[in-house]
Amino acid sequence: MSATKHTPGPWWIDEHSAEVYGQGRAKEDASRCIVQFSERFTKQERADARLIAAAPELLSALVECLPLLEVACESTDDPDASDKYERACAAIAKAQGEP
């Protein structure tokens, strides 16, 4: 799996501007807008913003759990374990821009 190409986390929501921000890569770019929602900032957009802001931590946690999932997959009686592991791998690949 490839190295991180996205804006580093943590990301946060500015409730006043309806924007999600993340840390910039360069020192002079301390924060940058990841996404901006409409001025009304609806309940659904707030929920979307929370999910987007959590994305870097979700990806990191899933990558860290992958070895545990692989071991669990090999030692469980769950017939869907292999499928769950493959879905986790596919989600990581999708987040990292891999096919």
N, C-alpha and C. Protein backbone atom coordinates (compact mmCIF):
# COMPACT_ATOMS: atom_id res chain seq x y z
N MET A 1 0.84 -1.18 0.00
CA MET A 1 0.00 0.00 0.00
C MET A 1 0.88 1.24 0.00
N SER A 2 0.44 2.27 -0.69
CA SER A 2 1.28 3.43 -0.91
C SER A 2 1.33 4.36 0.28
N ALA A 3 2.29 5.27 0.22
CA ALA A 3 2.45 6.27 1.27
C ALA A 3 1.33 7.30 1.19
N THR A 4 1.14 8.00 2.29
CA THR A 4 0.08 9.00 2.37
C THR A 4 0.32 10.14 1.39
N LYS A 5 -0.71 10.46 0.61
CA LYS A 5 -0.63 11.56 -0.35
C LYS A 5 -1.60 12.67 0.01
N HIS A 6 -2.52 12.40 0.94
CA HIS A 6 -3.52 13.39 1.31
C HIS A 6 -2.96 14.40 2.31
N THR A 7 -3.71 15.45 2.56
CA THR A 7 -3.34 16.44 3.57
C THR A 7 -3.30 15.74 4.92
N PRO A 8 -2.21 15.90 5.65
CA PRO A 8 -2.10 15.21 6.94
C PRO A 8 -3.19 15.62 7.91
N GLY A 9 -3.58 14.70 8.78
CA GLY A 9 -4.55 15.00 9.84
C GLY A 9 -3.83 15.58 11.03
N PRO A 10 -4.52 15.98 12.04
CA PRO A 10 -5.97 15.88 12.14
C PRO A 10 -6.67 16.94 11.28
N TRP A 11 -7.90 16.63 10.91
CA TRP A 11 -8.74 17.59 10.21
C TRP A 11 -9.80 18.08 11.19
N TRP A 12 -10.30 19.27 10.99
CA TRP A 12 -11.32 19.82 11.88
C TRP A 12 -12.32 20.64 11.10
N ILE A 13 -13.47 20.87 11.74
CA ILE A 13 -14.58 21.60 11.12
C ILE A 13 -14.66 23.00 11.70
N ASP A 14 -14.73 24.00 10.83
CA ASP A 14 -15.01 25.37 11.25
C ASP A 14 -16.51 25.57 11.07
N GLU A 15 -17.23 25.56 12.16
CA GLU A 15 -18.69 25.64 12.12
C GLU A 15 -19.18 26.97 11.53
N HIS A 16 -18.38 28.02 11.62
CA HIS A 16 -18.80 29.33 11.13
C HIS A 16 -18.65 29.47 9.62
N SER A 17 -17.59 28.91 9.08
CA SER A 17 -17.37 29.03 7.65
C SER A 17 -17.87 27.81 6.88
N ALA A 18 -18.34 26.78 7.59
CA ALA A 18 -18.83 25.54 6.97
C ALA A 18 -17.72 24.89 6.14
N GLU A 19 -16.51 24.87 6.67
CA GLU A 19 -15.36 24.29 5.98
C GLU A 19 -14.68 23.25 6.85
N VAL A 20 -14.08 22.26 6.20
CA VAL A 20 -13.25 21.27 6.87
C VAL A 20 -11.80 21.62 6.55
N TYR A 21 -10.98 21.72 7.59
CA TYR A 21 -9.58 22.09 7.42
C TYR A 21 -8.67 20.94 7.82
N GLY A 22 -7.46 20.97 7.27
CA GLY A 22 -6.43 20.00 7.63
C GLY A 22 -5.09 20.68 7.68
N GLN A 23 -4.13 20.00 8.26
CA GLN A 23 -2.77 20.54 8.37
C GLN A 23 -2.12 20.60 7.00
N GLY A 24 -1.44 21.68 6.72
CA GLY A 24 -0.71 21.78 5.46
C GLY A 24 0.62 21.05 5.54
N ARG A 25 1.18 20.72 4.41
CA ARG A 25 2.48 20.05 4.38
C ARG A 25 3.63 21.02 4.62
N ALA A 26 3.51 22.23 4.12
CA ALA A 26 4.57 23.21 4.29
C ALA A 26 4.33 24.04 5.55
N LYS A 27 5.40 24.52 6.15
CA LYS A 27 5.29 25.29 7.39
C LYS A 27 4.42 26.53 7.20
N GLU A 28 4.55 27.19 6.04
CA GLU A 28 3.76 28.40 5.79
C GLU A 28 2.29 28.09 5.51
N ASP A 29 1.97 26.83 5.28
CA ASP A 29 0.60 26.40 5.01
C ASP A 29 0.08 25.63 6.22
N ALA A 30 -0.04 26.32 7.36
CA ALA A 30 -0.39 25.67 8.62
C ALA A 30 -1.73 24.95 8.55
N SER A 31 -2.67 25.51 7.81
CA SER A 31 -3.94 24.82 7.63
C SER A 31 -4.47 25.15 6.26
N ARG A 32 -5.23 24.24 5.71
CA ARG A 32 -5.82 24.47 4.40
C ARG A 32 -7.21 23.88 4.36
N CYS A 33 -8.05 24.48 3.56
CA CYS A 33 -9.43 24.02 3.43
C CYS A 33 -9.46 22.73 2.62
N ILE A 34 -10.11 21.73 3.18
CA ILE A 34 -10.27 20.45 2.50
C ILE A 34 -11.55 20.47 1.66
N VAL A 35 -12.62 20.97 2.26
CA VAL A 35 -13.92 21.05 1.58
C VAL A 35 -14.75 22.16 2.21
N GLN A 36 -15.55 22.81 1.38
CA GLN A 36 -16.44 23.85 1.88
C GLN A 36 -17.87 23.48 1.51
N PHE A 37 -18.75 23.58 2.48
CA PHE A 37 -20.16 23.28 2.28
C PHE A 37 -20.93 24.57 2.01
N SER A 38 -22.22 24.44 1.76
CA SER A 38 -23.05 25.60 1.47
C SER A 38 -23.16 26.51 2.69
N GLU A 39 -23.59 27.73 2.46
CA GLU A 39 -23.71 28.70 3.56
C GLU A 39 -24.73 28.24 4.59
N ARG A 40 -25.75 27.48 4.17
CA ARG A 40 -26.77 27.02 5.11
C ARG A 40 -26.23 25.94 6.04
N PHE A 41 -25.26 25.14 5.59
CA PHE A 41 -24.62 24.07 6.38
C PHE A 41 -25.68 23.21 7.05
N THR A 42 -26.39 22.43 6.26
CA THR A 42 -27.51 21.61 6.70
C THR A 42 -27.05 20.51 7.66
N LYS A 43 -28.01 19.84 8.28
CA LYS A 43 -27.69 18.74 9.19
C LYS A 43 -26.94 17.64 8.46
N GLN A 44 -27.36 17.34 7.22
CA GLN A 44 -26.66 16.31 6.46
C GLN A 44 -25.23 16.75 6.15
N GLU A 45 -25.05 18.02 5.79
CA GLU A 45 -23.70 18.51 5.51
C GLU A 45 -22.83 18.48 6.76
N ARG A 46 -23.41 18.78 7.91
CA ARG A 46 -22.65 18.67 9.17
C ARG A 46 -22.20 17.23 9.40
N ALA A 47 -23.11 16.29 9.15
CA ALA A 47 -22.77 14.87 9.30
C ALA A 47 -21.67 14.49 8.30
N ASP A 48 -21.79 14.97 7.06
CA ASP A 48 -20.76 14.71 6.05
C ASP A 48 -19.42 15.30 6.49
N ALA A 49 -19.47 16.52 7.03
CA ALA A 49 -18.25 17.21 7.47
C ALA A 49 -17.58 16.42 8.60
N ARG A 50 -18.37 15.89 9.54
CA ARG A 50 -17.79 15.09 10.63
C ARG A 50 -17.11 13.84 10.07
N LEU A 51 -17.75 13.19 9.10
CA LEU A 51 -17.16 12.00 8.49
C LEU A 51 -15.87 12.35 7.75
N ILE A 52 -15.90 13.42 6.99
CA ILE A 52 -14.71 13.86 6.26
C ILE A 52 -13.59 14.21 7.22
N ALA A 53 -13.91 14.93 8.29
CA ALA A 53 -12.89 15.33 9.27
C ALA A 53 -12.28 14.11 9.97
N ALA A 54 -13.05 13.05 10.12
CA ALA A 54 -12.55 11.84 10.77
C ALA A 54 -11.77 10.93 9.82
N ALA A 55 -11.81 11.20 8.52
CA ALA A 55 -11.22 10.31 7.53
C ALA A 55 -9.75 9.95 7.78
N PRO A 56 -8.87 10.91 8.07
CA PRO A 56 -7.46 10.52 8.29
C PRO A 56 -7.29 9.54 9.46
N GLU A 57 -8.04 9.77 10.55
CA GLU A 57 -7.93 8.88 11.70
C GLU A 57 -8.55 7.51 11.40
N LEU A 58 -9.66 7.50 10.65
CA LEU A 58 -10.28 6.23 10.26
C LEU A 58 -9.33 5.40 9.40
N LEU A 59 -8.70 6.05 8.43
CA LEU A 59 -7.75 5.35 7.56
C LEU A 59 -6.57 4.81 8.36
N SER A 60 -6.02 5.64 9.21
CA SER A 60 -4.87 5.22 10.02
C SER A 60 -5.23 4.04 10.92
N ALA A 61 -6.40 4.11 11.56
CA ALA A 61 -6.82 3.03 12.44
C ALA A 61 -7.03 1.73 11.66
N LEU A 62 -7.63 1.81 10.49
CA LEU A 62 -7.86 0.61 9.69
C LEU A 62 -6.54 0.00 9.23
N VAL A 63 -5.60 0.84 8.82
CA VAL A 63 -4.28 0.34 8.40
C VAL A 63 -3.60 -0.36 9.58
N GLU A 64 -3.69 0.23 10.78
CA GLU A 64 -3.08 -0.37 11.97
C GLU A 64 -3.75 -1.69 12.35
N CYS A 65 -5.04 -1.81 12.11
CA CYS A 65 -5.79 -3.02 12.47
C CYS A 65 -5.66 -4.14 11.44
N LEU A 66 -5.18 -3.83 10.26
CA LEU A 66 -5.14 -4.82 9.19
C LEU A 66 -4.40 -6.11 9.57
N PRO A 67 -3.22 -6.03 10.22
CA PRO A 67 -2.56 -7.29 10.62
C PRO A 67 -3.41 -8.13 11.58
N LEU A 68 -4.12 -7.45 12.49
CA LEU A 68 -4.99 -8.17 13.41
C LEU A 68 -6.15 -8.82 12.68
N LEU A 69 -6.69 -8.12 11.70
CA LEU A 69 -7.77 -8.67 10.90
C LEU A 69 -7.30 -9.90 10.12
N GLU A 70 -6.08 -9.84 9.62
CA GLU A 70 -5.54 -10.97 8.86
C GLU A 70 -5.40 -12.20 9.76
N VAL A 71 -4.88 -12.01 10.96
CA VAL A 71 -4.73 -13.12 11.91
C VAL A 71 -6.10 -13.66 12.29
N ALA A 72 -7.03 -12.75 12.59
CA ALA A 72 -8.38 -13.18 12.97
C ALA A 72 -9.04 -13.94 11.83
N CYS A 73 -8.78 -13.50 10.63
CA CYS A 73 -9.36 -14.15 9.45
C CYS A 73 -8.90 -15.60 9.35
N GLU A 74 -7.65 -15.85 9.70
CA GLU A 74 -7.09 -17.20 9.60
C GLU A 74 -7.53 -18.11 10.75
N SER A 75 -7.96 -17.51 11.87
CA SER A 75 -8.24 -18.33 13.05
C SER A 75 -9.70 -18.30 13.49
N THR A 76 -10.59 -17.90 12.62
CA THR A 76 -12.00 -17.81 13.00
C THR A 76 -12.85 -18.81 12.22
N ASP A 77 -14.00 -19.07 12.78
CA ASP A 77 -14.97 -19.92 12.09
C ASP A 77 -15.96 -19.09 11.28
N ASP A 78 -15.78 -17.76 11.30
CA ASP A 78 -16.69 -16.86 10.58
C ASP A 78 -16.49 -17.05 9.07
N PRO A 79 -17.50 -17.52 8.37
CA PRO A 79 -17.35 -17.74 6.93
C PRO A 79 -17.19 -16.44 6.14
N ASP A 80 -17.55 -15.32 6.74
CA ASP A 80 -17.43 -14.02 6.08
C ASP A 80 -16.13 -13.29 6.42
N ALA A 81 -15.26 -13.90 7.23
CA ALA A 81 -14.05 -13.22 7.69
C ALA A 81 -13.15 -12.81 6.53
N SER A 82 -12.99 -13.69 5.58
CA SER A 82 -12.14 -13.37 4.43
C SER A 82 -12.69 -12.19 3.64
N ASP A 83 -14.01 -12.17 3.46
CA ASP A 83 -14.66 -11.07 2.76
C ASP A 83 -14.47 -9.76 3.51
N LYS A 84 -14.57 -9.79 4.84
CA LYS A 84 -14.38 -8.58 5.65
C LYS A 84 -12.96 -8.05 5.52
N TYR A 85 -11.99 -8.96 5.53
CA TYR A 85 -10.59 -8.57 5.36
C TYR A 85 -10.37 -7.94 3.99
N GLU A 86 -10.91 -8.55 2.96
CA GLU A 86 -10.78 -8.02 1.60
C GLU A 86 -11.44 -6.65 1.47
N ARG A 87 -12.59 -6.47 2.11
CA ARG A 87 -13.26 -5.16 2.09
C ARG A 87 -12.41 -4.10 2.76
N ALA A 88 -11.75 -4.47 3.87
CA ALA A 88 -10.86 -3.53 4.56
C ALA A 88 -9.69 -3.15 3.65
N CYS A 89 -9.11 -4.13 2.98
CA CYS A 89 -8.00 -3.86 2.05
C CYS A 89 -8.46 -2.97 0.90
N ALA A 90 -9.65 -3.25 0.37
CA ALA A 90 -10.19 -2.45 -0.73
C ALA A 90 -10.47 -1.01 -0.30
N ALA A 91 -10.97 -0.83 0.92
CA ALA A 91 -11.24 0.52 1.42
C ALA A 91 -9.95 1.31 1.58
N ILE A 92 -8.91 0.66 2.08
CA ILE A 92 -7.61 1.33 2.22
C ILE A 92 -7.07 1.71 0.85
N ALA A 93 -7.12 0.78 -0.10
CA ALA A 93 -6.64 1.05 -1.45
C ALA A 93 -7.40 2.21 -2.08
N LYS A 94 -8.71 2.24 -1.91
CA LYS A 94 -9.54 3.31 -2.47
C LYS A 94 -9.14 4.65 -1.86
N ALA A 95 -8.94 4.68 -0.55
CA ALA A 95 -8.55 5.92 0.13
C ALA A 95 -7.18 6.41 -0.32
N GLN A 96 -6.32 5.47 -0.70
CA GLN A 96 -4.97 5.82 -1.13
C GLN A 96 -4.84 6.00 -2.64
N GLY A 97 -5.97 5.90 -3.35
CA GLY A 97 -5.96 6.12 -4.79
C GLY A 97 -5.39 4.98 -5.60
N GLU A 98 -5.41 3.80 -5.03
CA GLU A 98 -4.92 2.62 -5.74
C GLU A 98 -6.08 1.89 -6.39
N PRO A 99 -5.81 1.14 -7.47
CA PRO A 99 -6.89 0.40 -8.15
C PRO A 99 -7.46 -0.71 -7.28
